[in-house]
């Protein structure tokens, strides 16, 4: 796998029937989200752990979160997943 494939996020999945489908959130971005949001590491700690600059860590974290947000909203619009945003029966 080349660096260019990581940067574009178009890494083919091997565990699905259609090899032409792409990973919604590539590992390169997903790892940053997990390290920051699940494990609570700082940008500096993440950068050191992955051997990248702090600014690269921040950019990848932003891109990873955006991919997740877009994925959740796309699925919600299709009625498959995500938070319910059009509820009318508010509890009082």
C-alpha atoms as a PDB file:
ATOM      1  CA  UNK A   1       0.000   0.000   0.000  1.00  0.00           C
ATOM      2  CA  UNK A   2       1.471   3.341  -0.996  1.00  0.00           C
ATOM      3  CA  UNK A   3       1.469   6.575   0.972  1.00  0.00           C
ATOM      4  CA  UNK A   4      -0.760   8.099  -1.712  1.00  0.00           C
ATOM      5  CA  UNK A   5      -3.473   5.543  -0.974  1.00  0.00           C
ATOM      6  CA  UNK A   6      -3.383   6.492   2.699  1.00  0.00           C
ATOM      7  CA  UNK A   7      -3.606  10.199   1.943  1.00  0.00           C
ATOM      8  CA  UNK A   8      -6.659   9.886  -0.285  1.00  0.00           C
ATOM      9  CA  UNK A   9      -8.449   7.480   2.004  1.00  0.00           C
ATOM     10  CA  UNK A  10      -9.210   5.225  -0.937  1.00  0.00           C
ATOM     11  CA  UNK A  11      -7.849   1.995   0.439  1.00  0.00           C
ATOM     12  CA  UNK A  12      -9.721  -1.024  -0.935  1.00  0.00           C
ATOM     13  CA  UNK A  13     -11.326  -3.234   1.699  1.00  0.00           C
ATOM     14  CA  UNK A  14     -10.522  -6.912   1.634  1.00  0.00           C
ATOM     15  CA  UNK A  15     -13.368  -8.127   3.862  1.00  0.00           C
ATOM     16  CA  UNK A  16     -16.318  -7.232   1.644  1.00  0.00           C
ATOM     17  CA  UNK A  17     -17.767  -8.749  -1.501  1.00  0.00           C
ATOM     18  CA  UNK A  18     -17.102  -5.792  -3.812  1.00  0.00           C
ATOM     19  CA  UNK A  19     -13.362  -5.037  -3.905  1.00  0.00           C
ATOM     20  CA  UNK A  20     -14.145  -1.690  -5.555  1.00  0.00           C
ATOM     21  CA  UNK A  21     -15.763  -0.311  -2.391  1.00  0.00           C
ATOM     22  CA  UNK A  22     -13.664   1.974  -0.226  1.00  0.00           C
ATOM     23  CA  UNK A  23     -13.129   2.101   3.530  1.00  0.00           C
ATOM     24  CA  UNK A  24     -15.374   4.857   4.967  1.00  0.00           C
ATOM     25  CA  UNK A  25     -12.715   5.973   7.461  1.00  0.00           C
ATOM     26  CA  UNK A  26      -9.208   4.753   6.613  1.00  0.00           C
ATOM     27  CA  UNK A  27      -6.994   3.394   9.386  1.00  0.00           C
ATOM     28  CA  UNK A  28      -4.651   6.374   9.068  1.00  0.00           C
ATOM     29  CA  UNK A  29      -7.478   8.671  10.199  1.00  0.00           C
ATOM     30  CA  UNK A  30      -9.382   6.249  12.430  1.00  0.00           C
ATOM     31  CA  UNK A  31      -6.327   5.656  14.641  1.00  0.00           C
ATOM     32  CA  UNK A  32      -6.087   9.376  15.408  1.00  0.00           C
ATOM     33  CA  UNK A  33      -9.746   9.593  16.415  1.00  0.00           C
ATOM     34  CA  UNK A  34      -9.389   6.576  18.703  1.00  0.00           C
ATOM     35  CA  UNK A  35      -6.184   7.811  20.334  1.00  0.00           C
ATOM     36  CA  UNK A  36      -7.648  11.267  20.967  1.00  0.00           C
ATOM     37  CA  UNK A  37     -11.303  10.602  21.745  1.00  0.00           C
ATOM     38  CA  UNK A  38     -11.150   7.157  23.352  1.00  0.00           C
ATOM     39  CA  UNK A  39      -7.755   7.161  25.062  1.00  0.00           C
ATOM     40  CA  UNK A  40      -7.554  10.905  25.688  1.00  0.00           C
ATOM     41  CA  UNK A  41      -4.040  11.416  24.344  1.00  0.00           C
ATOM     42  CA  UNK A  42      -2.901  14.954  23.568  1.00  0.00           C
ATOM     43  CA  UNK A  43      -1.962  16.021  20.052  1.00  0.00           C
ATOM     44  CA  UNK A  44       1.667  15.999  21.145  1.00  0.00           C
ATOM     45  CA  UNK A  45       1.432  12.464  22.549  1.00  0.00           C
ATOM     46  CA  UNK A  46      -0.262  11.206  19.397  1.00  0.00           C
ATOM     47  CA  UNK A  47       2.348  12.854  17.184  1.00  0.00           C
ATOM     48  CA  UNK A  48       5.180  11.294  19.175  1.00  0.00           C
ATOM     49  CA  UNK A  49       3.540   7.856  19.230  1.00  0.00           C
ATOM     50  CA  UNK A  50       2.931   7.841  15.454  1.00  0.00           C
ATOM     51  CA  UNK A  51       6.134   9.619  14.467  1.00  0.00           C
ATOM     52  CA  UNK A  52       4.354  12.528  12.786  1.00  0.00           C
ATOM     53  CA  UNK A  53       4.271  16.275  13.418  1.00  0.00           C
ATOM     54  CA  UNK A  54       1.742  17.814  15.789  1.00  0.00           C
ATOM     55  CA  UNK A  55       0.172  19.712  12.894  1.00  0.00           C
ATOM     56  CA  UNK A  56      -0.197  16.453  10.914  1.00  0.00           C
ATOM     57  CA  UNK A  57      -1.873  14.865  13.946  1.00  0.00           C
ATOM     58  CA  UNK A  58      -4.336  17.760  14.164  1.00  0.00           C
ATOM     59  CA  UNK A  59      -5.119  17.647  10.441  1.00  0.00           C
ATOM     60  CA  UNK A  60      -5.664  13.888  10.428  1.00  0.00           C
ATOM     61  CA  UNK A  61      -7.846  14.087  13.529  1.00  0.00           C
ATOM     62  CA  UNK A  62      -9.980  16.755  11.887  1.00  0.00           C
ATOM     63  CA  UNK A  63     -10.292  14.700   8.689  1.00  0.00           C
ATOM     64  CA  UNK A  64     -11.123  11.526  10.620  1.00  0.00           C
ATOM     65  CA  UNK A  65     -13.842  13.236  12.643  1.00  0.00           C
ATOM     66  CA  UNK A  66     -15.262  14.807   9.492  1.00  0.00           C
ATOM     67  CA  UNK A  67     -15.376  11.400   7.768  1.00  0.00           C
ATOM     68  CA  UNK A  68     -17.203   9.898  10.741  1.00  0.00           C
ATOM     69  CA  UNK A  69     -19.632  12.822  10.930  1.00  0.00           C
ATOM     70  CA  UNK A  70     -20.343  12.636   7.189  1.00  0.00           C
ATOM     71  CA  UNK A  71     -20.799   8.876   7.391  1.00  0.00           C
ATOM     72  CA  UNK A  72     -23.260   9.176  10.275  1.00  0.00           C
ATOM     73  CA  UNK A  73     -25.266  11.922   8.590  1.00  0.00           C
ATOM     74  CA  UNK A  74     -25.360  10.030   5.284  1.00  0.00           C
ATOM     75  CA  UNK A  75     -26.663   6.919   7.024  1.00  0.00           C
ATOM     76  CA  UNK A  76     -29.151   8.946   9.051  1.00  0.00           C
ATOM     77  CA  UNK A  77     -30.520  10.551   5.891  1.00  0.00           C
ATOM     78  CA  UNK A  78     -30.995   7.062   4.441  1.00  0.00           C
ATOM     79  CA  UNK A  79     -32.786   5.968   7.597  1.00  0.00           C
ATOM     80  CA  UNK A  80     -30.201   3.380   8.622  1.00  0.00           C
ATOM     81  CA  UNK A  81     -28.323   4.805  11.592  1.00  0.00           C
ATOM     82  CA  UNK A  82     -27.419   7.909  13.543  1.00  0.00           C
ATOM     83  CA  UNK A  83     -29.299  10.067  15.999  1.00  0.00           C
ATOM     84  CA  UNK A  84     -32.925  10.851  15.378  1.00  0.00           C
ATOM     85  CA  UNK A  85     -33.091  14.485  14.305  1.00  0.00           C
ATOM     86  CA  UNK A  86     -36.709  14.857  13.171  1.00  0.00           C
ATOM     87  CA  UNK A  87     -38.572  13.720  16.266  1.00  0.00           C
ATOM     88  CA  UNK A  88     -41.811  15.474  17.069  1.00  0.00           C
ATOM     89  CA  UNK A  89     -42.769  13.626  20.233  1.00  0.00           C
ATOM     90  CA  UNK A  90     -40.691  15.523  22.790  1.00  0.00           C
ATOM     91  CA  UNK A  91     -40.924  14.289  26.351  1.00  0.00           C
ATOM     92  CA  UNK A  92     -41.935  16.884  28.904  1.00  0.00           C
END
